[in-house]
Amino acid sequence: MIRLELAGPHTRLASTLCAACPQGRAGCCAAPPAVAWADVARIAHLGGIEWILDEIQVGRLRPIPRGLAILRVEPTLDEAGAWPARCVYLGAVGCTISYDRRSATCNYYLCDDAFEREGLGEGAHGGAREAQDALAGLYGRWDLELQARASERCPEGPPWDTSFLEWLGREYARLVRGSRRAIRRLAPAGIDSSALTARRRANMAR
């Protein structure tokens, strides 16, 4: 069953197939996406600046040209069987970090198997694929713009400090405001999409 939770740029998709992924025990988490520029900016905007800095400090996140790379842990074995190399944040029962600390891709991406095999649950409204495509387009565009802006601001490379991350968070807010028309399609009926970011700050980490 596919479930769609509309929340503007923080929209989430989930599928029951993920718990029994035909691609293996780690599923998509065997090859985690980058925490790209728009993801870093989103996390910073949602209050995660200290978390980002702590994760860089301990080595679970690593600066790369695209933003931040997620550490992959080596294959392991537990009572349930073998684990392949995988995202450091994948635990025995799923992701160990809250939605507002994840790459947006981790919140909205579902594979073709999920769309082909699963039905649409309550709230999906048949628009899960369209929501995924819209989010991929938004975050892809924002990534390119933020990468260019960061290079312009820090031609010798970003300092990865509080000031830089605060600036990224402000840039994310600016991009969201400038994309209201596209985001409106991802807003729950009757809710102003421009209010979603503030609302999510309080409600996403649950």
Protein backbone atom coordinates (compact mmCIF):
# COMPACT_ATOMS: atom_id res chain seq x y z
CA MET A 1 0.00 0.00 0.00
CA ILE A 2 1.28 3.45 -0.94
CA ARG A 3 0.61 6.34 1.38
CA LEU A 4 0.96 9.99 0.40
CA GLU A 5 1.18 12.73 3.03
CA LEU A 6 0.94 16.09 1.33
CA ALA A 7 3.00 18.76 3.09
CA GLY A 8 4.35 21.08 0.43
CA PRO A 9 8.15 20.70 0.06
CA HIS A 10 8.13 18.26 3.00
CA THR A 11 5.66 15.84 1.35
CA ARG A 12 6.27 12.19 2.22
CA LEU A 13 5.53 8.97 0.37
CA ALA A 14 5.69 5.52 1.94
CA SER A 15 5.05 1.97 0.78
CA THR A 16 4.51 -1.24 2.72
CA LEU A 17 6.72 -2.96 0.12
CA CYS A 18 9.77 -1.23 1.62
CA ALA A 19 9.64 -3.53 4.66
CA ALA A 20 10.07 -6.54 2.35
CA CYS A 21 12.07 -4.95 -0.45
CA PRO A 22 12.68 -7.38 -3.34
CA GLN A 23 16.10 -5.74 -3.88
CA GLY A 24 17.43 -6.90 -0.52
CA ARG A 25 17.27 -6.25 3.19
CA ALA A 26 18.67 -2.71 2.99
CA GLY A 27 16.59 -1.71 -0.03
CA CYS A 28 17.32 1.80 -1.30
CA CYS A 29 19.41 2.43 1.82
CA ALA A 30 22.18 0.24 0.40
CA ALA A 31 23.11 3.27 -1.72
CA PRO A 32 21.94 6.38 0.15
CA PRO A 33 21.54 9.61 -1.80
CA ALA A 34 23.67 12.65 -1.14
CA VAL A 35 22.34 15.21 1.29
CA ALA A 36 22.43 17.69 -1.56
CA TRP A 37 22.47 21.47 -1.29
CA ALA A 38 18.71 21.84 -1.09
CA ASP A 39 18.56 19.08 1.52
CA VAL A 40 21.21 20.73 3.69
CA ALA A 41 19.40 24.04 3.36
CA ARG A 42 16.07 22.43 4.25
CA ILE A 43 17.50 20.75 7.35
CA ALA A 44 19.11 24.02 8.42
CA HIS A 45 15.86 25.90 7.89
CA LEU A 46 13.99 23.36 10.02
CA GLY A 47 16.30 23.86 12.98
CA GLY A 48 18.95 21.23 12.28
CA ILE A 49 22.11 23.34 12.13
CA GLU A 50 23.69 21.85 15.26
CA TRP A 51 22.74 18.37 14.10
CA ILE A 52 24.49 18.91 10.75
CA LEU A 53 27.64 20.20 12.43
CA ASP A 54 27.66 17.30 14.92
CA GLU A 55 27.22 14.73 12.15
CA ILE A 56 30.09 16.25 10.15
CA GLN A 57 32.24 16.24 13.29
CA VAL A 58 31.72 12.52 13.96
CA GLY A 59 32.07 11.57 10.29
CA ARG A 60 28.57 10.38 9.46
CA LEU A 61 28.28 13.27 6.98
CA ARG A 62 31.15 14.37 4.76
CA PRO A 63 31.40 17.52 2.58
CA ILE A 64 31.43 16.87 -1.17
CA PRO A 65 30.85 19.18 -4.17
CA ARG A 66 27.15 18.24 -4.25
CA GLY A 67 26.62 18.98 -0.55
CA LEU A 68 27.17 16.23 2.01
CA ALA A 69 27.76 12.51 1.53
CA ILE A 70 26.30 9.97 3.97
CA LEU A 71 28.65 7.38 5.47
CA ARG A 72 28.02 3.77 4.43
CA VAL A 73 28.74 1.13 7.05
CA GLU A 74 30.35 -2.20 6.19
CA PRO A 75 28.33 -5.42 5.79
CA THR A 76 27.34 -7.02 9.10
CA LEU A 77 25.52 -10.06 10.43
CA ASP A 78 22.84 -10.18 13.13
CA GLU A 79 20.26 -12.65 14.42
CA ALA A 80 17.98 -11.92 11.46
CA GLY A 81 20.65 -12.51 8.83
CA ALA A 82 23.15 -10.58 6.76
CA TRP A 83 23.17 -6.82 6.22
CA PRO A 84 24.86 -5.43 3.11
CA ALA A 85 26.87 -2.21 3.14
CA ARG A 86 24.30 0.48 3.81
CA CYS A 87 23.44 3.97 5.03
CA VAL A 88 24.78 4.65 8.51
CA TYR A 89 21.32 5.83 9.56
CA LEU A 90 19.54 2.56 8.68
CA GLY A 91 18.62 0.55 11.77
CA ALA A 92 16.97 -2.81 12.28
CA VAL A 93 13.46 -1.37 11.92
CA GLY A 94 14.14 1.45 9.47
CA CYS A 95 15.62 4.92 9.40
CA THR A 96 16.94 6.12 12.76
CA ILE A 97 16.67 9.86 12.05
CA SER A 98 13.55 11.98 11.88
CA TYR A 99 11.98 13.12 8.61
CA ASP A 100 13.23 16.68 9.05
CA ARG A 101 16.85 15.48 9.17
CA ARG A 102 16.72 13.30 6.05
CA SER A 103 17.51 14.03 2.46
CA ALA A 104 14.21 14.99 0.82
CA THR A 105 14.77 12.09 -1.59
CA CYS A 106 14.46 9.68 1.34
CA ASN A 107 11.07 11.19 2.16
CA TYR A 108 9.53 11.19 -1.30
CA TYR A 109 11.24 8.49 -3.40
CA LEU A 110 9.53 5.20 -4.18
CA CYS A 111 10.89 2.73 -6.70
CA ASP A 112 9.03 1.42 -9.74
CA ASP A 113 8.37 -1.88 -7.95
CA ALA A 114 6.38 -0.03 -5.31
CA PHE A 115 4.28 1.81 -7.87
CA GLU A 116 3.69 -1.34 -9.94
CA ARG A 117 2.90 -3.75 -7.10
CA GLU A 118 1.21 -1.63 -4.47
CA GLY A 119 -2.24 -0.10 -4.30
CA LEU A 120 -2.97 3.44 -3.19
CA GLY A 121 -3.83 3.91 0.46
CA GLU A 122 -6.01 6.48 2.14
CA GLY A 123 -4.78 9.95 1.30
CA ALA A 124 -2.86 8.90 -1.82
CA HIS A 125 -5.56 10.22 -4.19
CA GLY A 126 -3.82 8.62 -7.16
CA GLY A 127 -1.27 11.43 -7.16
CA ALA A 128 1.72 9.72 -5.57
CA ARG A 129 3.71 9.45 -8.79
CA GLU A 130 2.90 13.03 -9.73
CA ALA A 131 3.97 14.25 -6.29
CA GLN A 132 7.27 12.39 -6.55
CA ASP A 133 7.97 13.85 -9.98
CA ALA A 134 7.09 17.37 -8.80
CA LEU A 135 9.38 17.11 -5.76
CA ALA A 136 12.25 15.71 -7.82
CA GLY A 137 11.92 18.67 -10.17
CA LEU A 138 11.76 21.22 -7.37
CA TYR A 139 14.70 19.87 -5.39
CA GLY A 140 16.77 19.34 -8.53
CA ARG A 141 16.28 22.97 -9.53
CA TRP A 142 16.94 24.23 -6.01
CA ASP A 143 20.13 22.14 -5.77
CA LEU A 144 21.56 23.76 -8.89
CA GLU A 145 20.66 27.27 -7.75
CA LEU A 146 22.04 26.77 -4.24
CA GLN A 147 25.24 25.20 -5.54
CA ALA A 148 25.80 28.23 -7.79
CA ARG A 149 24.98 30.66 -4.97
CA ALA A 150 27.27 28.84 -2.53
CA SER A 151 30.13 28.88 -5.05
CA GLU A 152 29.59 32.59 -5.57
CA ARG A 153 29.52 33.27 -1.84
CA CYS A 154 32.43 30.95 -0.96
CA PRO A 155 34.68 30.56 -4.05
CA GLU A 156 37.31 28.72 -1.99
CA GLY A 157 34.74 26.28 -0.63
CA PRO A 158 32.07 26.50 2.08
CA PRO A 159 33.29 26.81 5.69
CA TRP A 160 30.56 24.48 7.04
CA ASP A 161 29.93 26.57 10.12
CA THR A 162 26.86 28.04 11.79
CA SER A 163 26.92 31.26 9.80
CA PHE A 164 27.08 29.44 6.46
CA LEU A 165 24.26 27.06 7.41
CA GLU A 166 22.09 29.94 8.62
CA TRP A 167 22.58 31.58 5.24
CA LEU A 168 21.63 28.33 3.49
CA GLY A 169 18.46 28.13 5.58
CA ARG A 170 17.49 31.65 4.53
CA GLU A 171 18.16 30.80 0.90
CA TYR A 172 15.91 27.76 1.20
CA ALA A 173 13.09 29.94 2.55
CA ARG A 174 13.58 32.30 -0.40
CA LEU A 175 13.37 29.43 -2.89
CA VAL A 176 10.22 28.07 -1.27
CA ARG A 177 8.58 31.51 -1.47
CA GLY A 178 9.54 31.76 -5.12
CA SER A 179 8.02 28.35 -5.91
CA ARG A 180 4.60 28.82 -4.35
CA ARG A 181 2.70 27.95 -7.52
CA ALA A 182 4.46 24.59 -7.89
CA ILE A 183 4.26 23.86 -4.16
CA ARG A 184 0.53 24.64 -4.06
CA ARG A 185 -0.15 21.35 -5.86
CA LEU A 186 1.54 19.52 -2.97
CA ALA A 187 -0.44 21.26 -0.23
CA PRO A 188 -3.34 19.60 1.61
CA ALA A 189 -6.70 20.97 0.53
CA GLY A 190 -7.62 24.12 2.35
CA ILE A 191 -4.13 24.86 3.69
CA ASP A 192 -2.02 27.76 2.48
CA SER A 193 1.22 26.22 1.19
CA SER A 194 3.20 29.29 2.28
CA ALA A 195 2.44 28.39 5.90
CA LEU A 196 3.64 24.81 5.65
CA THR A 197 7.31 25.40 6.40
CA ALA A 198 6.64 27.11 9.72
CA ARG A 199 4.05 24.50 10.64
CA ARG A 200 6.44 21.66 9.83
CA ARG A 201 9.18 23.04 12.03
CA ALA A 202 7.05 22.18 15.03
CA ASN A 203 5.44 18.97 13.79
CA MET A 204 7.87 17.02 11.60
CA ALA A 205 10.19 15.52 14.25
CA ARG A 206 7.80 12.97 15.62
